[in-house]
Amino acid sequence: MYIITGAIAFIFLFLFDIYTLTNAGIKKKIFGVLGLGLFIYSALMVAITSERVYLPMTLRVIGFILWAVTGALLIYSLFLELPFVRTYGKNQHSNELVDTGTYALCRHPGVLWFGLMFLFFFFTTGAKLLIPAGILWTGIDVFHVYLQEKLFFPKMFPRYKDYMREVPMLIPTERSIKKCINTLI
């Protein structure tokens, strides 16, 4: 049930994108908060209610450290690296394209951190349902960013087609890794 609830959260996040493009600020904020809140609730409930697999303490500690790192990277990429108020708070969408830092690594670094975060959350908790949930939710997240690429971002960002040619969508390349490092230092 909680895996399905987490999947439904992506519908709210898709509506967030629609209302961002149409500059419907109040609806944008409502669906953004609903999507994020429902997703966090679902992920926590999957971890809490799932049967457990025994994992050695060393693996759990390493998993926890990597889970914390990928969680911090997810927060950094989505809420700190992007101009927060212009991206999430204003009624009118921002047409400012970020192409430095983790957004030089790939166009959707949040998807990378998201998938890895669930893998490491499994190693931290041993919650069996985190494996199918993480796979399904990451797959939906990939589909979500595919829709963003086709339906929203080219309309929102004047330079997006150039950005698509310069930066890989999801899988970093040697060149994009170098650019990411150079823009972070």
Protein backbone atom coordinates (compact mmCIF):
# COMPACT_ATOMS: atom_id res chain seq x y z
CA MET A 1 0.00 0.00 0.00
CA TYR A 2 2.76 2.49 0.89
CA ILE A 3 4.68 1.70 -2.30
CA ILE A 4 1.58 2.63 -4.30
CA THR A 5 1.08 5.77 -2.21
CA GLY A 6 4.66 6.79 -3.01
CA ALA A 7 3.96 6.25 -6.69
CA ILE A 8 0.83 8.44 -6.45
CA ALA A 9 3.00 11.22 -4.98
CA PHE A 10 4.62 11.55 -8.40
CA ILE A 11 1.23 12.52 -9.86
CA PHE A 12 1.22 15.52 -7.50
CA LEU A 13 4.79 16.34 -8.53
CA PHE A 14 3.76 16.19 -12.19
CA LEU A 15 0.91 18.60 -11.39
CA PHE A 16 3.50 20.82 -9.70
CA ASP A 17 5.32 20.95 -13.06
CA ILE A 18 2.12 21.79 -14.94
CA TYR A 19 1.25 24.60 -12.55
CA THR A 20 4.83 25.85 -12.62
CA LEU A 21 4.69 26.19 -16.41
CA THR A 22 1.31 27.93 -16.30
CA ASN A 23 2.41 30.27 -13.46
CA ALA A 24 -0.43 29.08 -11.19
CA GLY A 25 1.53 29.80 -8.01
CA ILE A 26 -0.90 28.65 -5.30
CA LYS A 27 -1.68 25.36 -7.07
CA LYS A 28 2.03 24.88 -7.75
CA LYS A 29 2.86 25.23 -4.06
CA ILE A 30 -0.02 23.02 -2.91
CA PHE A 31 0.89 20.16 -5.25
CA GLY A 32 4.60 20.52 -4.53
CA VAL A 33 4.03 20.21 -0.78
CA LEU A 34 1.47 17.40 -1.22
CA GLY A 35 3.80 15.43 -3.51
CA LEU A 36 6.87 15.82 -1.33
CA GLY A 37 4.98 15.18 1.91
CA LEU A 38 3.15 12.12 0.62
CA PHE A 39 6.37 10.71 -0.78
CA ILE A 40 8.36 11.17 2.44
CA TYR A 41 5.49 9.62 4.43
CA SER A 42 5.34 6.64 2.05
CA ALA A 43 9.10 6.03 2.16
CA LEU A 44 9.17 6.14 5.96
CA MET A 45 6.17 3.82 6.24
CA VAL A 46 7.74 1.33 3.81
CA ALA A 47 10.88 1.29 5.94
CA ILE A 48 8.96 1.00 9.23
CA THR A 49 6.41 -1.66 8.23
CA SER A 50 8.62 -3.91 6.09
CA GLU A 51 10.05 -7.25 7.13
CA ARG A 52 13.80 -7.10 7.73
CA VAL A 53 16.80 -8.86 6.26
CA TYR A 54 19.75 -9.48 8.55
CA LEU A 55 22.73 -7.39 7.46
CA PRO A 56 26.08 -7.21 9.25
CA MET A 57 26.61 -4.09 11.36
CA THR A 58 29.60 -2.98 9.24
CA LEU A 59 27.42 -3.01 6.11
CA ARG A 60 24.67 -1.12 7.96
CA VAL A 61 27.10 1.57 9.14
CA ILE A 62 28.59 2.00 5.65
CA GLY A 63 25.04 2.03 4.25
CA PHE A 64 24.03 4.72 6.74
CA ILE A 65 27.00 6.93 5.87
CA LEU A 66 26.33 6.58 2.13
CA TRP A 67 22.58 7.11 2.68
CA ALA A 68 23.33 10.34 4.55
CA VAL A 69 25.73 11.50 1.81
CA THR A 70 23.29 10.79 -1.03
CA GLY A 71 20.45 12.36 0.97
CA ALA A 72 22.57 15.48 1.50
CA LEU A 73 23.44 15.54 -2.22
CA LEU A 74 19.74 15.24 -3.10
CA ILE A 75 18.87 18.18 -0.84
CA TYR A 76 21.83 20.15 -2.17
CA SER A 77 20.94 19.57 -5.84
CA LEU A 78 17.20 20.21 -5.55
CA PHE A 79 16.90 22.82 -2.81
CA LEU A 80 20.23 24.62 -2.44
CA GLU A 81 21.91 24.57 -5.84
CA LEU A 82 18.74 25.71 -7.60
CA PRO A 83 17.58 29.19 -6.60
CA PHE A 84 15.00 28.00 -4.03
CA VAL A 85 12.63 30.96 -3.93
CA ARG A 86 12.60 31.42 -7.72
CA THR A 87 12.23 27.66 -8.33
CA TYR A 88 9.68 26.72 -5.66
CA GLY A 89 8.37 29.88 -4.01
CA LYS A 90 7.42 32.38 -6.69
CA ASN A 91 4.16 32.22 -8.60
CA GLN A 92 5.89 32.79 -11.93
CA HIS A 93 8.42 30.14 -12.95
CA SER A 94 12.08 31.00 -13.16
CA ASN A 95 13.66 30.86 -16.59
CA GLU A 96 17.13 30.76 -15.03
CA LEU A 97 18.95 27.58 -16.09
CA VAL A 98 21.54 26.16 -13.70
CA ASP A 99 24.31 24.39 -15.64
CA THR A 100 27.09 24.34 -13.05
CA GLY A 101 27.88 22.10 -10.09
CA THR A 102 25.86 18.90 -10.06
CA TYR A 103 23.83 20.24 -12.99
CA ALA A 104 27.04 20.09 -15.05
CA LEU A 105 27.34 16.41 -14.04
CA CYS A 106 23.99 15.54 -15.61
CA ARG A 107 20.72 17.34 -16.28
CA HIS A 108 18.90 15.51 -13.50
CA PRO A 109 21.36 14.83 -10.65
CA GLY A 110 18.47 14.43 -8.23
CA VAL A 111 17.52 11.17 -9.96
CA LEU A 112 21.03 9.78 -9.37
CA TRP A 113 21.00 10.69 -5.67
CA PHE A 114 17.40 9.49 -5.30
CA GLY A 115 18.08 5.98 -6.63
CA LEU A 116 21.32 5.60 -4.68
CA MET A 117 19.68 6.93 -1.53
CA PHE A 118 17.10 4.13 -1.57
CA LEU A 119 19.76 1.50 -2.20
CA PHE A 120 21.74 2.75 0.81
CA PHE A 121 18.55 3.13 2.89
CA PHE A 122 17.99 -0.60 2.35
CA PHE A 123 21.53 -1.37 3.55
CA THR A 124 20.93 0.85 6.57
CA THR A 125 17.59 -0.64 7.61
CA GLY A 126 17.42 -4.08 6.00
CA ALA A 127 13.78 -3.31 5.11
CA LYS A 128 12.94 -5.76 2.31
CA LEU A 129 10.28 -3.58 0.68
CA LEU A 130 12.76 -0.77 0.07
CA ILE A 131 14.19 -2.77 -2.85
CA PRO A 132 10.99 -2.98 -4.96
CA ALA A 133 9.90 0.48 -3.75
CA GLY A 134 13.26 2.04 -4.67
CA ILE A 135 13.26 0.38 -8.09
CA LEU A 136 9.66 1.41 -8.85
CA TRP A 137 10.02 4.96 -7.53
CA THR A 138 13.33 5.51 -9.32
CA GLY A 139 11.75 4.22 -12.54
CA ILE A 140 8.85 6.64 -12.09
CA ASP A 141 11.33 9.43 -11.34
CA VAL A 142 13.17 8.67 -14.59
CA PHE A 143 9.86 8.77 -16.46
CA HIS A 144 8.99 12.03 -14.68
CA VAL A 145 12.22 13.73 -15.79
CA TYR A 146 11.70 12.37 -19.31
CA LEU A 147 8.31 14.12 -19.35
CA GLN A 148 9.93 17.28 -17.96
CA GLU A 149 12.44 17.17 -20.82
CA LYS A 150 9.72 16.77 -23.46
CA LEU A 151 6.85 18.86 -22.10
CA PHE A 152 8.17 21.52 -19.75
CA PHE A 153 11.84 22.47 -19.69
CA PRO A 154 12.28 23.49 -23.35
CA LYS A 155 9.35 25.93 -22.80
CA MET A 156 10.66 27.19 -19.46
CA PHE A 157 14.34 27.67 -20.28
CA PRO A 158 15.36 29.43 -23.51
CA ARG A 159 18.78 27.70 -23.58
CA TYR A 160 17.51 24.21 -22.69
CA LYS A 161 18.08 22.64 -26.12
CA ASP A 162 21.75 23.76 -25.99
CA TYR A 163 22.00 22.41 -22.43
CA MET A 164 20.65 19.07 -23.66
CA ARG A 165 23.46 18.87 -26.23
CA GLU A 166 26.15 19.82 -23.69
CA VAL A 167 25.18 17.78 -20.62
CA PRO A 168 24.08 14.11 -20.42
CA MET A 169 20.56 13.46 -19.18
CA LEU A 170 21.28 10.96 -16.37
CA ILE A 171 24.57 9.10 -16.81
CA PRO A 172 27.63 11.33 -16.22
CA THR A 173 30.48 11.24 -18.71
CA GLU A 174 34.16 11.91 -18.11
CA ARG A 175 33.71 15.40 -19.58
CA SER A 176 30.64 16.18 -17.43
CA ILE A 177 32.38 14.92 -14.28
CA LYS A 178 35.33 17.25 -14.97
CA LYS A 179 33.01 20.21 -15.58
CA CYS A 180 31.08 19.44 -12.38
CA ILE A 181 34.31 19.34 -10.34
CA ASN A 182 35.66 22.52 -11.98
CA THR A 183 32.47 24.46 -11.27
CA LEU A 184 32.26 23.27 -7.66
CA ILE A 185 35.86 24.18 -6.80
